[in-house]
N, C-alpha and C. Protein backbone atom coordinates (compact mmCIF):
# COMPACT_ATOMS: atom_id res chain seq x y z
N MET A 1 56.52 113.17 22.10
CA MET A 1 56.89 114.18 21.12
C MET A 1 56.46 115.56 21.63
N PRO A 2 57.23 116.56 21.34
CA PRO A 2 56.86 117.90 21.78
C PRO A 2 55.68 118.44 20.99
N HIS A 3 54.96 119.34 21.63
CA HIS A 3 53.86 119.99 20.94
C HIS A 3 54.40 120.92 19.85
N ALA A 4 53.73 120.91 18.74
CA ALA A 4 54.16 121.77 17.63
C ALA A 4 53.51 123.14 17.79
N GLY A 5 54.33 124.14 17.79
CA GLY A 5 53.83 125.49 17.91
C GLY A 5 53.69 126.14 16.56
N LEU A 6 53.37 127.40 16.60
CA LEU A 6 53.17 128.16 15.37
C LEU A 6 54.47 128.29 14.59
N LYS A 7 55.60 128.43 15.29
CA LYS A 7 56.89 128.53 14.61
C LYS A 7 57.22 127.25 13.86
N THR A 8 56.88 126.11 14.44
CA THR A 8 57.12 124.83 13.78
C THR A 8 56.29 124.71 12.52
N ILE A 9 55.04 125.10 12.59
CA ILE A 9 54.16 125.03 11.43
C ILE A 9 54.67 125.94 10.31
N ILE A 10 55.09 127.13 10.67
CA ILE A 10 55.60 128.08 9.67
C ILE A 10 56.89 127.56 9.05
N ALA A 11 57.80 127.01 9.87
CA ALA A 11 59.07 126.50 9.35
C ALA A 11 58.84 125.31 8.42
N LEU A 12 57.99 124.38 8.81
CA LEU A 12 57.72 123.22 7.96
C LEU A 12 57.01 123.61 6.67
N SER A 13 56.13 124.59 6.75
CA SER A 13 55.45 125.07 5.54
C SER A 13 56.43 125.74 4.59
N PHE A 14 57.39 126.48 5.14
CA PHE A 14 58.40 127.12 4.31
C PHE A 14 59.27 126.08 3.62
N VAL A 15 59.70 125.04 4.34
CA VAL A 15 60.53 123.99 3.74
C VAL A 15 59.74 123.25 2.67
N LEU A 16 58.46 122.98 2.91
CA LEU A 16 57.63 122.33 1.90
C LEU A 16 57.50 123.19 0.65
N ALA A 17 57.32 124.49 0.83
CA ALA A 17 57.22 125.39 -0.31
C ALA A 17 58.53 125.45 -1.10
N VAL A 18 59.66 125.42 -0.41
CA VAL A 18 60.95 125.41 -1.10
C VAL A 18 61.12 124.11 -1.89
N GLY A 19 60.68 123.00 -1.32
CA GLY A 19 60.76 121.72 -2.02
C GLY A 19 59.93 121.73 -3.30
N PHE A 20 58.70 122.21 -3.20
CA PHE A 20 57.86 122.29 -4.40
C PHE A 20 58.44 123.28 -5.41
N LEU A 21 59.00 124.38 -4.93
CA LEU A 21 59.61 125.35 -5.82
C LEU A 21 60.78 124.74 -6.59
N LEU A 22 61.62 123.97 -5.91
CA LEU A 22 62.74 123.33 -6.59
C LEU A 22 62.28 122.35 -7.67
N VAL A 23 61.25 121.58 -7.37
CA VAL A 23 60.76 120.62 -8.36
C VAL A 23 60.14 121.35 -9.55
N ILE A 24 59.37 122.38 -9.27
CA ILE A 24 58.75 123.14 -10.37
C ILE A 24 59.81 123.86 -11.20
N LEU A 25 60.82 124.43 -10.53
CA LEU A 25 61.90 125.08 -11.28
C LEU A 25 62.71 124.09 -12.09
N SER A 26 62.87 122.88 -11.59
CA SER A 26 63.59 121.87 -12.37
C SER A 26 62.85 121.55 -13.66
N CYS A 27 61.56 121.74 -13.66
CA CYS A 27 60.78 121.55 -14.89
C CYS A 27 60.81 122.80 -15.77
N ALA A 28 60.57 123.94 -15.16
CA ALA A 28 60.39 125.17 -15.94
C ALA A 28 61.69 125.71 -16.53
N LEU A 29 62.80 125.59 -15.81
CA LEU A 29 64.05 126.16 -16.31
C LEU A 29 64.58 125.42 -17.53
N TRP A 30 64.30 124.13 -17.61
CA TRP A 30 64.80 123.35 -18.75
C TRP A 30 63.69 122.98 -19.74
N HIS A 31 62.50 123.51 -19.55
CA HIS A 31 61.36 123.30 -20.46
C HIS A 31 61.08 121.82 -20.69
N ASN A 32 61.12 121.06 -19.62
CA ASN A 32 60.85 119.63 -19.68
C ASN A 32 60.13 119.26 -18.39
N TYR A 33 58.93 118.73 -18.51
CA TYR A 33 58.09 118.51 -17.34
C TYR A 33 58.09 117.07 -16.84
N HIS A 34 59.08 116.27 -17.21
CA HIS A 34 59.20 114.92 -16.68
C HIS A 34 59.52 114.88 -15.18
N PRO A 35 60.33 115.80 -14.66
CA PRO A 35 60.60 115.74 -13.21
C PRO A 35 59.38 115.99 -12.32
N LEU A 36 58.29 116.45 -12.90
CA LEU A 36 57.08 116.67 -12.11
C LEU A 36 56.49 115.37 -11.59
N LEU A 37 56.91 114.24 -12.15
CA LEU A 37 56.45 112.94 -11.67
C LEU A 37 56.92 112.66 -10.25
N VAL A 38 57.98 113.32 -9.82
CA VAL A 38 58.49 113.14 -8.46
C VAL A 38 57.47 113.60 -7.44
N VAL A 39 56.76 114.66 -7.74
CA VAL A 39 55.74 115.16 -6.80
C VAL A 39 54.66 114.11 -6.58
N ALA A 40 54.26 113.43 -7.64
CA ALA A 40 53.24 112.39 -7.50
C ALA A 40 53.71 111.26 -6.60
N THR A 41 54.96 110.84 -6.75
CA THR A 41 55.44 109.74 -5.91
C THR A 41 55.56 110.16 -4.45
N TYR A 42 55.96 111.39 -4.19
CA TYR A 42 56.09 111.83 -2.80
C TYR A 42 54.74 112.13 -2.16
N VAL A 43 53.74 112.46 -2.94
CA VAL A 43 52.39 112.65 -2.39
C VAL A 43 51.74 111.30 -2.10
N ILE A 44 52.00 110.31 -2.96
CA ILE A 44 51.41 108.98 -2.79
C ILE A 44 52.16 108.16 -1.74
N ALA A 45 53.43 108.45 -1.49
CA ALA A 45 54.28 107.63 -0.63
C ALA A 45 53.73 107.38 0.78
N PRO A 46 53.18 108.34 1.51
CA PRO A 46 52.71 108.04 2.87
C PRO A 46 51.40 107.25 2.93
N ILE A 47 50.71 107.13 1.82
CA ILE A 47 49.39 106.50 1.83
C ILE A 47 49.44 105.02 2.22
N PRO A 48 50.35 104.18 1.67
CA PRO A 48 50.37 102.78 2.11
C PRO A 48 50.68 102.62 3.60
N ASN A 49 51.56 103.44 4.12
CA ASN A 49 51.89 103.37 5.54
C ASN A 49 50.68 103.75 6.39
N TRP A 50 49.95 104.77 5.96
CA TRP A 50 48.76 105.21 6.69
C TRP A 50 47.65 104.16 6.64
N VAL A 51 47.40 103.61 5.44
CA VAL A 51 46.32 102.61 5.28
C VAL A 51 46.64 101.35 6.07
N CYS A 52 47.87 100.85 5.94
CA CYS A 52 48.23 99.63 6.65
C CYS A 52 48.28 99.85 8.16
N GLY A 53 48.64 101.05 8.59
CA GLY A 53 48.63 101.35 10.01
C GLY A 53 47.23 101.33 10.59
N HIS A 54 46.27 101.83 9.82
CA HIS A 54 44.89 101.82 10.29
C HIS A 54 44.27 100.43 10.18
N CYS A 55 44.66 99.65 9.20
CA CYS A 55 44.14 98.29 9.07
C CYS A 55 44.69 97.37 10.15
N ALA A 56 45.90 97.63 10.60
CA ALA A 56 46.54 96.77 11.59
C ALA A 56 46.21 97.18 13.01
N ASN A 57 45.48 98.27 13.21
CA ASN A 57 45.15 98.73 14.55
C ASN A 57 44.08 97.81 15.15
N PRO A 58 44.48 96.94 16.07
CA PRO A 58 43.48 96.00 16.62
C PRO A 58 42.58 96.68 17.64
N ASP A 59 41.35 96.21 17.68
CA ASP A 59 40.46 96.68 18.73
C ASP A 59 40.12 95.51 19.65
N ASP A 60 39.19 95.68 20.51
CA ASP A 60 38.92 94.68 21.54
C ASP A 60 38.34 93.38 20.98
N PHE A 61 37.73 93.43 19.82
CA PHE A 61 37.02 92.27 19.31
C PHE A 61 37.82 91.47 18.28
N VAL A 62 38.94 92.00 17.82
CA VAL A 62 39.70 91.35 16.77
C VAL A 62 41.05 90.92 17.33
N ASP A 63 41.47 89.70 16.99
CA ASP A 63 42.78 89.22 17.41
C ASP A 63 43.84 89.93 16.59
N GLY A 64 44.84 90.50 17.24
CA GLY A 64 45.86 91.29 16.56
C GLY A 64 47.12 90.51 16.25
N SER A 65 47.03 89.21 15.94
CA SER A 65 48.23 88.40 15.76
C SER A 65 48.94 88.68 14.44
N GLY A 66 48.22 89.06 13.38
CA GLY A 66 48.84 89.26 12.08
C GLY A 66 49.08 90.71 11.73
N THR A 67 49.07 91.58 12.72
CA THR A 67 49.19 93.00 12.43
C THR A 67 50.58 93.43 12.04
N ALA A 68 51.60 92.70 12.49
CA ALA A 68 52.97 93.08 12.16
C ALA A 68 53.24 92.95 10.67
N VAL A 69 52.65 91.95 10.04
CA VAL A 69 52.85 91.75 8.60
C VAL A 69 52.23 92.90 7.82
N VAL A 70 51.08 93.35 8.24
CA VAL A 70 50.40 94.44 7.54
C VAL A 70 51.18 95.74 7.69
N VAL A 71 51.68 96.02 8.88
CA VAL A 71 52.47 97.23 9.12
C VAL A 71 53.76 97.18 8.31
N ASP A 72 54.41 96.02 8.28
CA ASP A 72 55.64 95.88 7.49
C ASP A 72 55.38 96.04 6.00
N LEU A 73 54.24 95.56 5.51
CA LEU A 73 53.89 95.74 4.11
C LEU A 73 53.71 97.22 3.78
N GLY A 74 53.07 97.96 4.66
CA GLY A 74 52.90 99.40 4.45
C GLY A 74 54.22 100.13 4.45
N ARG A 75 55.11 99.76 5.36
CA ARG A 75 56.44 100.39 5.39
C ARG A 75 57.24 100.04 4.14
N PHE A 76 57.13 98.81 3.67
CA PHE A 76 57.83 98.41 2.46
C PHE A 76 57.34 99.21 1.25
N CYS A 77 56.03 99.32 1.09
CA CYS A 77 55.48 100.07 -0.04
C CYS A 77 55.85 101.55 0.03
N THR A 78 55.82 102.12 1.22
CA THR A 78 56.22 103.52 1.39
C THR A 78 57.70 103.70 1.05
N GLY A 79 58.53 102.80 1.53
CA GLY A 79 59.95 102.86 1.22
C GLY A 79 60.22 102.71 -0.27
N PHE A 80 59.47 101.83 -0.92
CA PHE A 80 59.63 101.67 -2.37
C PHE A 80 59.29 102.96 -3.11
N LEU A 81 58.21 103.61 -2.72
CA LEU A 81 57.82 104.85 -3.38
C LEU A 81 58.81 105.98 -3.12
N VAL A 82 59.38 106.04 -1.92
CA VAL A 82 60.38 107.07 -1.62
C VAL A 82 61.63 106.85 -2.47
N VAL A 83 62.09 105.61 -2.53
CA VAL A 83 63.27 105.30 -3.35
C VAL A 83 62.98 105.56 -4.82
N MET A 84 61.77 105.26 -5.27
CA MET A 84 61.39 105.53 -6.65
C MET A 84 61.39 107.04 -6.93
N GLY A 85 60.98 107.84 -5.95
CA GLY A 85 61.00 109.28 -6.12
C GLY A 85 62.40 109.83 -6.25
N ILE A 86 63.37 109.17 -5.62
CA ILE A 86 64.76 109.59 -5.75
C ILE A 86 65.37 109.03 -7.03
N ALA A 87 65.06 107.79 -7.35
CA ALA A 87 65.68 107.12 -8.50
C ALA A 87 65.10 107.57 -9.84
N LEU A 88 63.86 108.00 -9.86
CA LEU A 88 63.22 108.37 -11.13
C LEU A 88 63.94 109.51 -11.84
N PRO A 89 64.28 110.62 -11.17
CA PRO A 89 65.03 111.66 -11.87
C PRO A 89 66.43 111.20 -12.31
N ILE A 90 67.04 110.32 -11.52
CA ILE A 90 68.36 109.80 -11.90
C ILE A 90 68.26 108.97 -13.17
N ILE A 91 67.24 108.15 -13.27
CA ILE A 91 67.03 107.33 -14.46
C ILE A 91 66.69 108.21 -15.66
N LEU A 92 65.86 109.23 -15.44
CA LEU A 92 65.52 110.14 -16.54
C LEU A 92 66.75 110.90 -17.02
N ALA A 93 67.64 111.29 -16.11
CA ALA A 93 68.87 111.97 -16.51
C ALA A 93 69.82 111.01 -17.21
N HIS A 94 69.86 109.77 -16.77
CA HIS A 94 70.74 108.78 -17.40
C HIS A 94 70.30 108.49 -18.84
N SER A 95 68.99 108.52 -19.07
CA SER A 95 68.49 108.26 -20.42
C SER A 95 68.38 109.53 -21.25
N ASP A 96 68.94 110.65 -20.77
CA ASP A 96 68.98 111.94 -21.45
C ASP A 96 67.60 112.53 -21.75
N LEU A 97 66.62 112.21 -20.91
CA LEU A 97 65.31 112.85 -21.03
C LEU A 97 65.28 114.19 -20.29
N ILE A 98 66.09 114.30 -19.23
CA ILE A 98 66.23 115.56 -18.50
C ILE A 98 67.72 115.83 -18.31
N SER A 99 68.05 117.06 -17.97
CA SER A 99 69.46 117.41 -17.76
C SER A 99 69.88 117.07 -16.33
N VAL A 100 71.18 117.10 -16.09
CA VAL A 100 71.71 116.78 -14.77
C VAL A 100 71.30 117.84 -13.75
N GLY A 101 71.23 119.10 -14.16
CA GLY A 101 70.77 120.15 -13.25
C GLY A 101 69.33 119.96 -12.82
N ALA A 102 68.48 119.57 -13.76
CA ALA A 102 67.08 119.29 -13.42
C ALA A 102 66.99 118.09 -12.50
N MET A 103 67.85 117.10 -12.73
CA MET A 103 67.86 115.93 -11.86
C MET A 103 68.22 116.32 -10.43
N ALA A 104 69.26 117.12 -10.27
CA ALA A 104 69.70 117.51 -8.93
C ALA A 104 68.63 118.33 -8.22
N MET A 105 68.04 119.28 -8.91
CA MET A 105 66.99 120.10 -8.29
C MET A 105 65.77 119.25 -7.93
N SER A 106 65.44 118.29 -8.78
CA SER A 106 64.29 117.44 -8.53
C SER A 106 64.52 116.52 -7.34
N VAL A 107 65.72 115.96 -7.23
CA VAL A 107 66.01 115.07 -6.10
C VAL A 107 66.02 115.85 -4.79
N VAL A 108 66.68 117.00 -4.77
CA VAL A 108 66.72 117.80 -3.53
C VAL A 108 65.33 118.29 -3.16
N GLY A 109 64.55 118.75 -4.14
CA GLY A 109 63.19 119.18 -3.86
C GLY A 109 62.32 118.05 -3.35
N GLY A 110 62.46 116.88 -3.94
CA GLY A 110 61.69 115.72 -3.50
C GLY A 110 62.05 115.30 -2.09
N LEU A 111 63.33 115.33 -1.76
CA LEU A 111 63.74 114.99 -0.39
C LEU A 111 63.20 116.00 0.62
N LEU A 112 63.17 117.28 0.24
CA LEU A 112 62.59 118.29 1.13
C LEU A 112 61.10 118.06 1.33
N ILE A 113 60.40 117.70 0.26
CA ILE A 113 58.96 117.44 0.35
C ILE A 113 58.69 116.26 1.28
N TYR A 114 59.38 115.14 1.05
CA TYR A 114 59.11 113.97 1.87
C TYR A 114 59.58 114.17 3.31
N GLY A 115 60.70 114.86 3.50
CA GLY A 115 61.14 115.15 4.85
C GLY A 115 60.14 116.00 5.61
N THR A 116 59.49 116.93 4.92
CA THR A 116 58.46 117.75 5.55
C THR A 116 57.24 116.93 5.91
N ILE A 117 56.86 116.01 5.03
CA ILE A 117 55.71 115.14 5.32
C ILE A 117 55.99 114.29 6.55
N ILE A 118 57.19 113.75 6.66
CA ILE A 118 57.57 112.95 7.83
C ILE A 118 57.58 113.82 9.08
N SER A 119 58.09 115.04 8.97
CA SER A 119 58.15 115.93 10.13
C SER A 119 56.75 116.33 10.60
N PHE A 120 55.86 116.60 9.67
CA PHE A 120 54.47 116.89 10.05
C PHE A 120 53.88 115.71 10.80
N GLY A 121 54.14 114.50 10.32
CA GLY A 121 53.62 113.32 10.99
C GLY A 121 54.19 113.14 12.39
N MET A 122 55.46 113.45 12.57
CA MET A 122 56.07 113.32 13.89
C MET A 122 55.53 114.36 14.87
N PHE A 123 55.36 115.59 14.42
CA PHE A 123 54.93 116.66 15.32
C PHE A 123 53.44 116.62 15.63
N PHE A 124 52.65 116.08 14.74
CA PHE A 124 51.20 116.17 14.90
C PHE A 124 50.53 114.83 15.08
N GLN A 125 51.25 113.82 15.55
CA GLN A 125 50.60 112.53 15.80
C GLN A 125 49.86 112.57 17.12
N GLU A 126 48.79 111.81 17.20
CA GLU A 126 47.97 111.78 18.41
C GLU A 126 48.58 110.80 19.42
N GLU A 127 48.43 111.13 20.67
CA GLU A 127 48.90 110.24 21.73
C GLU A 127 47.93 109.07 21.84
N GLN A 128 48.46 107.85 21.95
CA GLN A 128 47.62 106.68 22.09
C GLN A 128 47.39 106.38 23.57
N GLU A 129 46.16 106.03 23.89
CA GLU A 129 45.83 105.69 25.26
C GLU A 129 45.94 104.19 25.43
N PHE A 130 46.44 103.77 26.58
CA PHE A 130 46.59 102.33 26.83
C PHE A 130 45.56 101.85 27.79
């Protein structure tokens, strides 16, 4: 992966700020704060992948035969939370708890937030030594 420079950090920070702005505006413009739950799901989403990745990292003294199951479990939980972050505003709009405009802004903002989190992870991951 290429080294992340200052321009990359600034660009990713700007996209993250736009994502949070869209989610907050989806709440404030329609005076309904249910779409704010999307932020919680996108903040929690990378945690299972991170925890399972660290638990599955074998060292010299532990047999690493069951590590694939743990990594797959983390990816499944992360994927579930990402899909829930997209589906939650749609379900809230379907049940008339929020408007369609708030749903659209919340989904786009949530996708920007999670895309930024993934991009930060790609640009700033440490090189593994073999």
